N, C-alpha and C. Protein backbone atom coordinates (compact mmCIF):
# COMPACT_ATOMS: atom_id res chain seq x y z
N MET A 1 -9.33 4.60 -40.02
CA MET A 1 -9.43 3.85 -38.79
C MET A 1 -10.25 4.69 -37.81
N ASP A 2 -11.16 4.06 -37.12
CA ASP A 2 -11.99 4.72 -36.12
C ASP A 2 -11.45 4.44 -34.72
N PHE A 3 -11.55 5.46 -33.88
CA PHE A 3 -11.16 5.30 -32.48
C PHE A 3 -12.39 5.56 -31.62
N TYR A 4 -12.53 4.78 -30.60
CA TYR A 4 -13.67 4.90 -29.71
C TYR A 4 -13.18 5.17 -28.29
N ASP A 5 -13.95 5.94 -27.57
CA ASP A 5 -13.63 6.23 -26.18
C ASP A 5 -14.15 5.08 -25.33
N ILE A 6 -13.29 4.12 -25.07
CA ILE A 6 -13.66 2.93 -24.31
C ILE A 6 -13.00 3.04 -22.93
N PRO A 7 -13.77 2.94 -21.87
CA PRO A 7 -13.16 3.02 -20.54
C PRO A 7 -12.20 1.86 -20.32
N PRO A 8 -11.12 2.07 -19.56
CA PRO A 8 -10.16 0.99 -19.32
C PRO A 8 -10.79 -0.15 -18.55
N GLN A 9 -10.29 -1.34 -18.79
CA GLN A 9 -10.76 -2.53 -18.08
C GLN A 9 -10.32 -2.45 -16.64
N ARG A 10 -11.21 -2.80 -15.74
CA ARG A 10 -10.86 -2.82 -14.32
C ARG A 10 -10.78 -4.26 -13.86
N GLY A 11 -9.56 -4.74 -13.75
CA GLY A 11 -9.36 -6.10 -13.29
C GLY A 11 -9.29 -6.19 -11.78
N ALA A 12 -9.19 -7.41 -11.29
CA ALA A 12 -9.13 -7.63 -9.85
C ALA A 12 -7.90 -6.97 -9.24
N GLU A 13 -6.78 -6.95 -9.98
CA GLU A 13 -5.55 -6.37 -9.44
C GLU A 13 -5.68 -4.87 -9.22
N SER A 14 -6.26 -4.14 -10.19
CA SER A 14 -6.39 -2.69 -10.02
C SER A 14 -7.39 -2.35 -8.93
N GLU A 15 -8.46 -3.12 -8.82
CA GLU A 15 -9.43 -2.89 -7.76
C GLU A 15 -8.82 -3.16 -6.40
N ALA A 16 -7.96 -4.19 -6.31
CA ALA A 16 -7.30 -4.50 -5.05
C ALA A 16 -6.38 -3.38 -4.63
N ARG A 17 -5.63 -2.80 -5.60
CA ARG A 17 -4.73 -1.70 -5.28
C ARG A 17 -5.49 -0.51 -4.72
N GLU A 18 -6.64 -0.20 -5.30
CA GLU A 18 -7.42 0.95 -4.85
C GLU A 18 -8.04 0.70 -3.48
N SER A 19 -8.36 -0.54 -3.15
CA SER A 19 -8.99 -0.83 -1.87
C SER A 19 -7.97 -1.05 -0.77
N GLY A 20 -6.68 -1.18 -1.12
CA GLY A 20 -5.65 -1.38 -0.12
C GLY A 20 -5.49 -2.82 0.31
N THR A 21 -5.91 -3.76 -0.53
CA THR A 21 -5.69 -5.18 -0.26
C THR A 21 -5.01 -5.80 -1.47
N ASP A 22 -4.21 -6.84 -1.23
CA ASP A 22 -3.56 -7.51 -2.34
C ASP A 22 -4.49 -8.59 -2.90
N ALA A 23 -4.01 -9.37 -3.84
CA ALA A 23 -4.84 -10.38 -4.50
C ALA A 23 -5.36 -11.43 -3.52
N GLN A 24 -4.64 -11.66 -2.42
CA GLN A 24 -5.08 -12.63 -1.41
C GLN A 24 -5.96 -11.98 -0.34
N GLY A 25 -6.22 -10.69 -0.47
CA GLY A 25 -7.08 -10.00 0.48
C GLY A 25 -6.35 -9.46 1.70
N ARG A 26 -5.00 -9.49 1.69
CA ARG A 26 -4.23 -8.97 2.83
C ARG A 26 -4.15 -7.45 2.74
N PRO A 27 -4.54 -6.73 3.80
CA PRO A 27 -4.47 -5.27 3.79
C PRO A 27 -3.02 -4.78 3.78
N PHE A 28 -2.77 -3.69 3.05
CA PHE A 28 -1.44 -3.12 3.02
C PHE A 28 -1.50 -1.61 2.88
N LEU A 29 -0.38 -0.96 3.20
CA LEU A 29 -0.16 0.45 2.94
C LEU A 29 0.99 0.53 1.95
N GLY A 30 0.96 1.51 1.08
CA GLY A 30 2.08 1.77 0.19
C GLY A 30 2.98 2.81 0.83
N VAL A 31 4.28 2.53 0.90
CA VAL A 31 5.21 3.43 1.56
C VAL A 31 6.37 3.75 0.62
N LEU A 32 6.66 5.03 0.47
CA LEU A 32 7.87 5.47 -0.24
C LEU A 32 8.92 5.75 0.83
N PHE A 33 9.98 4.94 0.83
CA PHE A 33 11.06 5.10 1.79
C PHE A 33 12.02 6.15 1.25
N ASP A 34 12.02 7.32 1.89
CA ASP A 34 12.84 8.44 1.46
C ASP A 34 14.33 8.13 1.61
N CYS A 35 14.68 7.26 2.53
CA CYS A 35 16.08 6.93 2.79
C CYS A 35 16.78 6.40 1.55
N CYS A 36 16.10 5.56 0.77
CA CYS A 36 16.70 4.94 -0.42
C CYS A 36 15.88 5.16 -1.69
N LYS A 37 14.85 6.02 -1.60
CA LYS A 37 13.97 6.29 -2.75
C LYS A 37 13.38 4.99 -3.31
N GLN A 38 12.89 4.14 -2.40
CA GLN A 38 12.31 2.86 -2.76
C GLN A 38 10.87 2.79 -2.29
N TYR A 39 10.02 2.12 -3.07
CA TYR A 39 8.62 1.91 -2.70
C TYR A 39 8.44 0.47 -2.24
N ALA A 40 7.61 0.28 -1.24
CA ALA A 40 7.30 -1.08 -0.78
C ALA A 40 5.90 -1.09 -0.17
N ARG A 41 5.32 -2.26 -0.16
CA ARG A 41 4.06 -2.46 0.54
C ARG A 41 4.36 -2.86 1.97
N VAL A 42 3.58 -2.34 2.90
CA VAL A 42 3.73 -2.65 4.32
C VAL A 42 2.43 -3.32 4.73
N TYR A 43 2.52 -4.57 5.21
CA TYR A 43 1.32 -5.36 5.51
C TYR A 43 0.93 -5.30 6.97
N ARG A 44 -0.37 -5.47 7.22
CA ARG A 44 -0.91 -5.47 8.58
C ARG A 44 -0.48 -6.74 9.31
N ASN A 45 -0.16 -6.60 10.59
CA ASN A 45 0.24 -7.78 11.37
C ASN A 45 -0.97 -8.65 11.65
N PRO A 46 -0.76 -9.93 12.00
CA PRO A 46 -1.89 -10.85 12.22
C PRO A 46 -2.84 -10.40 13.33
N ALA A 47 -2.33 -9.69 14.33
CA ALA A 47 -3.20 -9.23 15.42
C ALA A 47 -4.07 -8.06 14.99
N GLY A 48 -3.72 -7.40 13.87
CA GLY A 48 -4.52 -6.28 13.37
C GLY A 48 -4.29 -4.98 14.12
N THR A 49 -3.14 -4.86 14.79
CA THR A 49 -2.87 -3.67 15.58
C THR A 49 -1.92 -2.68 14.91
N HIS A 50 -1.10 -3.16 13.96
CA HIS A 50 -0.10 -2.33 13.30
C HIS A 50 0.11 -2.78 11.86
N TYR A 51 0.66 -1.87 11.06
CA TYR A 51 1.23 -2.22 9.76
C TYR A 51 2.74 -2.18 9.97
N LEU A 52 3.44 -3.25 9.61
CA LEU A 52 4.87 -3.37 9.84
C LEU A 52 5.59 -3.66 8.53
N GLY A 53 6.75 -3.05 8.34
CA GLY A 53 7.53 -3.31 7.14
C GLY A 53 8.91 -2.72 7.22
N ASN A 54 9.68 -2.96 6.13
CA ASN A 54 11.06 -2.51 6.05
C ASN A 54 11.36 -1.97 4.67
N CYS A 55 12.32 -1.04 4.61
CA CYS A 55 12.82 -0.55 3.33
C CYS A 55 13.43 -1.74 2.59
N PRO A 56 13.11 -1.92 1.32
CA PRO A 56 13.64 -3.07 0.58
C PRO A 56 15.15 -2.99 0.33
N ARG A 57 15.74 -1.81 0.48
CA ARG A 57 17.17 -1.68 0.21
C ARG A 57 18.01 -1.69 1.50
N CYS A 58 17.67 -0.83 2.48
CA CYS A 58 18.50 -0.72 3.69
C CYS A 58 17.88 -1.37 4.92
N ALA A 59 16.67 -1.88 4.81
CA ALA A 59 15.95 -2.59 5.87
C ALA A 59 15.50 -1.68 7.02
N ARG A 60 15.42 -0.37 6.78
CA ARG A 60 14.91 0.55 7.80
C ARG A 60 13.47 0.16 8.13
N ALA A 61 13.16 0.01 9.40
CA ALA A 61 11.84 -0.46 9.83
C ALA A 61 10.86 0.70 9.96
N VAL A 62 9.60 0.42 9.62
CA VAL A 62 8.51 1.36 9.85
C VAL A 62 7.36 0.61 10.52
N ARG A 63 6.59 1.36 11.30
CA ARG A 63 5.44 0.77 12.00
C ARG A 63 4.34 1.82 12.03
N PHE A 64 3.16 1.44 11.59
CA PHE A 64 1.99 2.30 11.60
C PHE A 64 0.97 1.69 12.54
N ARG A 65 0.60 2.42 13.58
CA ARG A 65 -0.38 1.93 14.56
C ARG A 65 -1.78 2.08 13.98
N ILE A 66 -2.63 1.12 14.24
CA ILE A 66 -4.02 1.16 13.82
C ILE A 66 -4.87 1.52 15.04
N GLY A 67 -5.73 2.51 14.90
CA GLY A 67 -6.56 2.87 16.03
C GLY A 67 -7.43 4.08 15.74
N GLU A 68 -8.22 4.47 16.73
CA GLU A 68 -9.10 5.61 16.60
C GLU A 68 -8.30 6.89 16.40
N GLY A 69 -8.88 7.82 15.64
CA GLY A 69 -8.22 9.09 15.40
C GLY A 69 -7.13 9.02 14.36
N GLY A 70 -7.01 7.89 13.67
CA GLY A 70 -5.97 7.72 12.66
C GLY A 70 -6.35 8.31 11.32
N GLN A 71 -5.59 7.98 10.32
CA GLN A 71 -5.79 8.48 8.95
C GLN A 71 -6.33 7.36 8.06
N ASN A 72 -7.02 7.74 7.00
CA ASN A 72 -7.53 6.78 6.03
C ASN A 72 -6.61 6.63 4.82
N ALA A 73 -5.50 7.34 4.79
CA ALA A 73 -4.60 7.32 3.64
C ALA A 73 -4.01 5.93 3.45
N ARG A 74 -3.87 5.52 2.18
CA ARG A 74 -3.31 4.21 1.86
C ARG A 74 -1.85 4.30 1.42
N PHE A 75 -1.36 5.51 1.15
CA PHE A 75 0.02 5.69 0.69
C PHE A 75 0.72 6.74 1.55
N TRP A 76 1.97 6.42 1.92
CA TRP A 76 2.72 7.25 2.85
C TRP A 76 4.15 7.44 2.37
N LYS A 77 4.78 8.49 2.92
CA LYS A 77 6.19 8.73 2.65
C LYS A 77 6.91 8.68 3.99
N SER A 78 7.92 7.81 4.07
CA SER A 78 8.68 7.65 5.30
C SER A 78 10.00 8.40 5.16
N SER A 79 10.21 9.40 6.02
CA SER A 79 11.47 10.17 5.91
C SER A 79 12.37 9.91 7.09
């Protein structure tokens, strides 16, 4: 049997994850909630001023402000 070095297929879902948008084009941040060791996506509000979300287990709220001098990171840890 022969094996070939074939690069993995890049579908729309994997490209969306890398760009920080979901399949519908909604921007999100990935957040690891340290309180319950749970991961969730936090979506941008309609006004485009913040990313808002909650821990999927205990509902702890997080808010990330969008503005000048911010970070380009797409994944965060909330402690």
